[in-house]
Amino acid sequence: MEQLILLVKYQTKLNKRKDFVKEVISSGVLEEIRQEDGCISYDYYYDAVNPACVLLVEQWQSKGQQQQHLRSEHMHILKEIKEKYVLDTSVREILV
């Protein structure tokens, strides 16, 4: 079985990246995701140069488990949070 790593790059509204990550954490969504079946890691990182960029690195035991994650209840909450702060998203998928 191949593990899945996703590199999700968020371009946030100017000076809103910390607010975005802070709300994801305070909503409880981050901890719920980390406890999902198949989640190995789910971590946010700030870009050292671009003050509006956040990188999310997700690692899952399988692509199927990651796909199930997308259908979870708390992903609706995350979508609402992203709508307030995120302008653009790009995703890179790596199978290992």
C-alpha atoms as a PDB file:
ATOM      1  CA  MET A   1       0.000   0.000   0.000  1.00  0.00           C
ATOM      2  CA  GLU A   2       1.357   3.400  -0.984  1.00  0.00           C
ATOM      3  CA  GLN A   3       1.324   6.255   1.488  1.00  0.00           C
ATOM      4  CA  LEU A   4       0.147   9.651   0.278  1.00  0.00           C
ATOM      5  CA  ILE A   5       1.765  13.003   0.950  1.00  0.00           C
ATOM      6  CA  LEU A   6      -0.019  16.194  -0.055  1.00  0.00           C
ATOM      7  CA  LEU A   7       1.661  19.590  -0.279  1.00  0.00           C
ATOM      8  CA  VAL A   8      -1.141  22.137  -0.112  1.00  0.00           C
ATOM      9  CA  LYS A   9      -0.112  25.733  -0.728  1.00  0.00           C
ATOM     10  CA  TYR A  10      -2.546  28.398   0.433  1.00  0.00           C
ATOM     11  CA  GLN A  11      -2.312  31.993  -0.753  1.00  0.00           C
ATOM     12  CA  THR A  12      -4.156  33.968   1.921  1.00  0.00           C
ATOM     13  CA  LYS A  13      -5.438  37.497   2.017  1.00  0.00           C
ATOM     14  CA  LEU A  14      -2.691  39.941   2.978  1.00  0.00           C
ATOM     15  CA  ASN A  15      -1.701  39.680   6.649  1.00  0.00           C
ATOM     16  CA  LYS A  16      -4.274  36.942   7.273  1.00  0.00           C
ATOM     17  CA  ARG A  17      -2.207  33.743   7.256  1.00  0.00           C
ATOM     18  CA  LYS A  18      -1.745  33.714  11.036  1.00  0.00           C
ATOM     19  CA  ASP A  19      -5.461  34.387  11.539  1.00  0.00           C
ATOM     20  CA  PHE A  20      -6.243  31.488   9.196  1.00  0.00           C
ATOM     21  CA  VAL A  21      -4.056  28.980  11.033  1.00  0.00           C
ATOM     22  CA  LYS A  22      -5.127  30.297  14.439  1.00  0.00           C
ATOM     23  CA  GLU A  23      -8.813  29.769  13.576  1.00  0.00           C
ATOM     24  CA  VAL A  24      -8.164  26.267  12.226  1.00  0.00           C
ATOM     25  CA  ILE A  25      -6.511  25.400  15.552  1.00  0.00           C
ATOM     26  CA  SER A  26      -9.062  27.128  17.812  1.00  0.00           C
ATOM     27  CA  SER A  27     -12.003  25.519  15.955  1.00  0.00           C
ATOM     28  CA  GLY A  28     -10.736  22.057  16.938  1.00  0.00           C
ATOM     29  CA  VAL A  29     -10.578  20.961  13.303  1.00  0.00           C
ATOM     30  CA  LEU A  30      -6.815  20.396  13.341  1.00  0.00           C
ATOM     31  CA  GLU A  31      -6.967  17.968  16.270  1.00  0.00           C
ATOM     32  CA  GLU A  32      -9.963  16.149  14.770  1.00  0.00           C
ATOM     33  CA  ILE A  33      -8.084  15.649  11.501  1.00  0.00           C
ATOM     34  CA  ARG A  34      -4.958  14.426  13.280  1.00  0.00           C
ATOM     35  CA  GLN A  35      -7.076  11.778  15.028  1.00  0.00           C
ATOM     36  CA  GLU A  36      -8.624  10.449  11.822  1.00  0.00           C
ATOM     37  CA  ASP A  37      -7.960   6.888  10.746  1.00  0.00           C
ATOM     38  CA  GLY A  38      -4.915   6.865   8.475  1.00  0.00           C
ATOM     39  CA  CYS A  39      -3.607  10.344   9.302  1.00  0.00           C
ATOM     40  CA  ILE A  40       0.137  10.189   9.922  1.00  0.00           C
ATOM     41  CA  SER A  41       0.702  13.947  10.069  1.00  0.00           C
ATOM     42  CA  TYR A  42      -1.098  17.188   9.237  1.00  0.00           C
ATOM     43  CA  ASP A  43       1.042  20.294   9.770  1.00  0.00           C
ATOM     44  CA  TYR A  44       0.971  23.953   8.716  1.00  0.00           C
ATOM     45  CA  TYR A  45       4.139  25.956   7.908  1.00  0.00           C
ATOM     46  CA  TYR A  46       4.663  29.644   7.175  1.00  0.00           C
ATOM     47  CA  ASP A  47       6.617  30.672   4.073  1.00  0.00           C
ATOM     48  CA  ALA A  48       9.817  32.492   5.080  1.00  0.00           C
ATOM     49  CA  VAL A  49       9.550  34.975   2.193  1.00  0.00           C
ATOM     50  CA  ASN A  50       5.889  35.333   1.217  1.00  0.00           C
ATOM     51  CA  PRO A  51       3.840  36.736   4.142  1.00  0.00           C
ATOM     52  CA  ALA A  52       0.580  35.530   2.575  1.00  0.00           C
ATOM     53  CA  CYS A  53       1.618  31.922   1.982  1.00  0.00           C
ATOM     54  CA  VAL A  54       0.930  28.888   4.182  1.00  0.00           C
ATOM     55  CA  LEU A  55       2.028  25.349   3.365  1.00  0.00           C
ATOM     56  CA  LEU A  56       0.048  22.387   4.660  1.00  0.00           C
ATOM     57  CA  VAL A  57       1.861  19.040   4.602  1.00  0.00           C
ATOM     58  CA  GLU A  58      -0.478  16.061   4.974  1.00  0.00           C
ATOM     59  CA  GLN A  59       0.697  12.466   5.229  1.00  0.00           C
ATOM     60  CA  TRP A  60      -1.802   9.592   5.022  1.00  0.00           C
ATOM     61  CA  GLN A  61      -1.427   5.825   5.205  1.00  0.00           C
ATOM     62  CA  SER A  62      -3.380   5.538   1.944  1.00  0.00           C
ATOM     63  CA  LYS A  63      -5.093   7.660  -0.677  1.00  0.00           C
ATOM     64  CA  GLY A  64      -8.408   6.031   0.229  1.00  0.00           C
ATOM     65  CA  GLN A  65      -8.120   7.211   3.830  1.00  0.00           C
ATOM     66  CA  GLN A  66      -7.331  10.732   2.658  1.00  0.00           C
ATOM     67  CA  GLN A  67     -10.373  10.649   0.381  1.00  0.00           C
ATOM     68  CA  GLN A  68     -12.539   9.544   3.319  1.00  0.00           C
ATOM     69  CA  HIS A  69     -11.101  12.482   5.290  1.00  0.00           C
ATOM     70  CA  LEU A  70     -12.471  14.876   2.659  1.00  0.00           C
ATOM     71  CA  ARG A  71     -15.999  13.624   3.397  1.00  0.00           C
ATOM     72  CA  SER A  72     -15.762  14.158   7.174  1.00  0.00           C
ATOM     73  CA  GLU A  73     -18.037  16.567   9.035  1.00  0.00           C
ATOM     74  CA  HIS A  74     -15.211  18.833  10.196  1.00  0.00           C
ATOM     75  CA  MET A  75     -14.105  19.442   6.619  1.00  0.00           C
ATOM     76  CA  HIS A  76     -17.230  21.589   6.205  1.00  0.00           C
ATOM     77  CA  ILE A  77     -15.978  23.763   9.064  1.00  0.00           C
ATOM     78  CA  LEU A  78     -12.527  23.959   7.465  1.00  0.00           C
ATOM     79  CA  LYS A  79     -14.120  24.989   4.159  1.00  0.00           C
ATOM     80  CA  GLU A  80     -15.923  27.868   5.888  1.00  0.00           C
ATOM     81  CA  ILE A  81     -12.683  29.001   7.527  1.00  0.00           C
ATOM     82  CA  LYS A  82     -10.828  28.868   4.202  1.00  0.00           C
ATOM     83  CA  GLU A  83     -13.526  30.959   2.537  1.00  0.00           C
ATOM     84  CA  LYS A  84     -12.766  33.790   4.981  1.00  0.00           C
ATOM     85  CA  TYR A  85      -8.986  33.830   4.522  1.00  0.00           C
ATOM     86  CA  VAL A  86      -7.765  31.907   1.454  1.00  0.00           C
ATOM     87  CA  LEU A  87      -7.556  33.397  -2.044  1.00  0.00           C
ATOM     88  CA  ASP A  88      -5.972  30.464  -3.906  1.00  0.00           C
ATOM     89  CA  THR A  89      -4.984  26.850  -3.268  1.00  0.00           C
ATOM     90  CA  SER A  90      -2.627  24.537  -5.129  1.00  0.00           C
ATOM     91  CA  VAL A  91      -2.077  20.873  -4.335  1.00  0.00           C
ATOM     92  CA  ARG A  92       0.800  18.557  -5.152  1.00  0.00           C
ATOM     93  CA  GLU A  93       0.316  14.832  -4.562  1.00  0.00           C
ATOM     94  CA  ILE A  94       3.212  12.470  -3.831  1.00  0.00           C
ATOM     95  CA  LEU A  95       2.806   8.701  -3.497  1.00  0.00           C
ATOM     96  CA  VAL A  96       5.534   6.957  -1.465  1.00  0.00           C
END
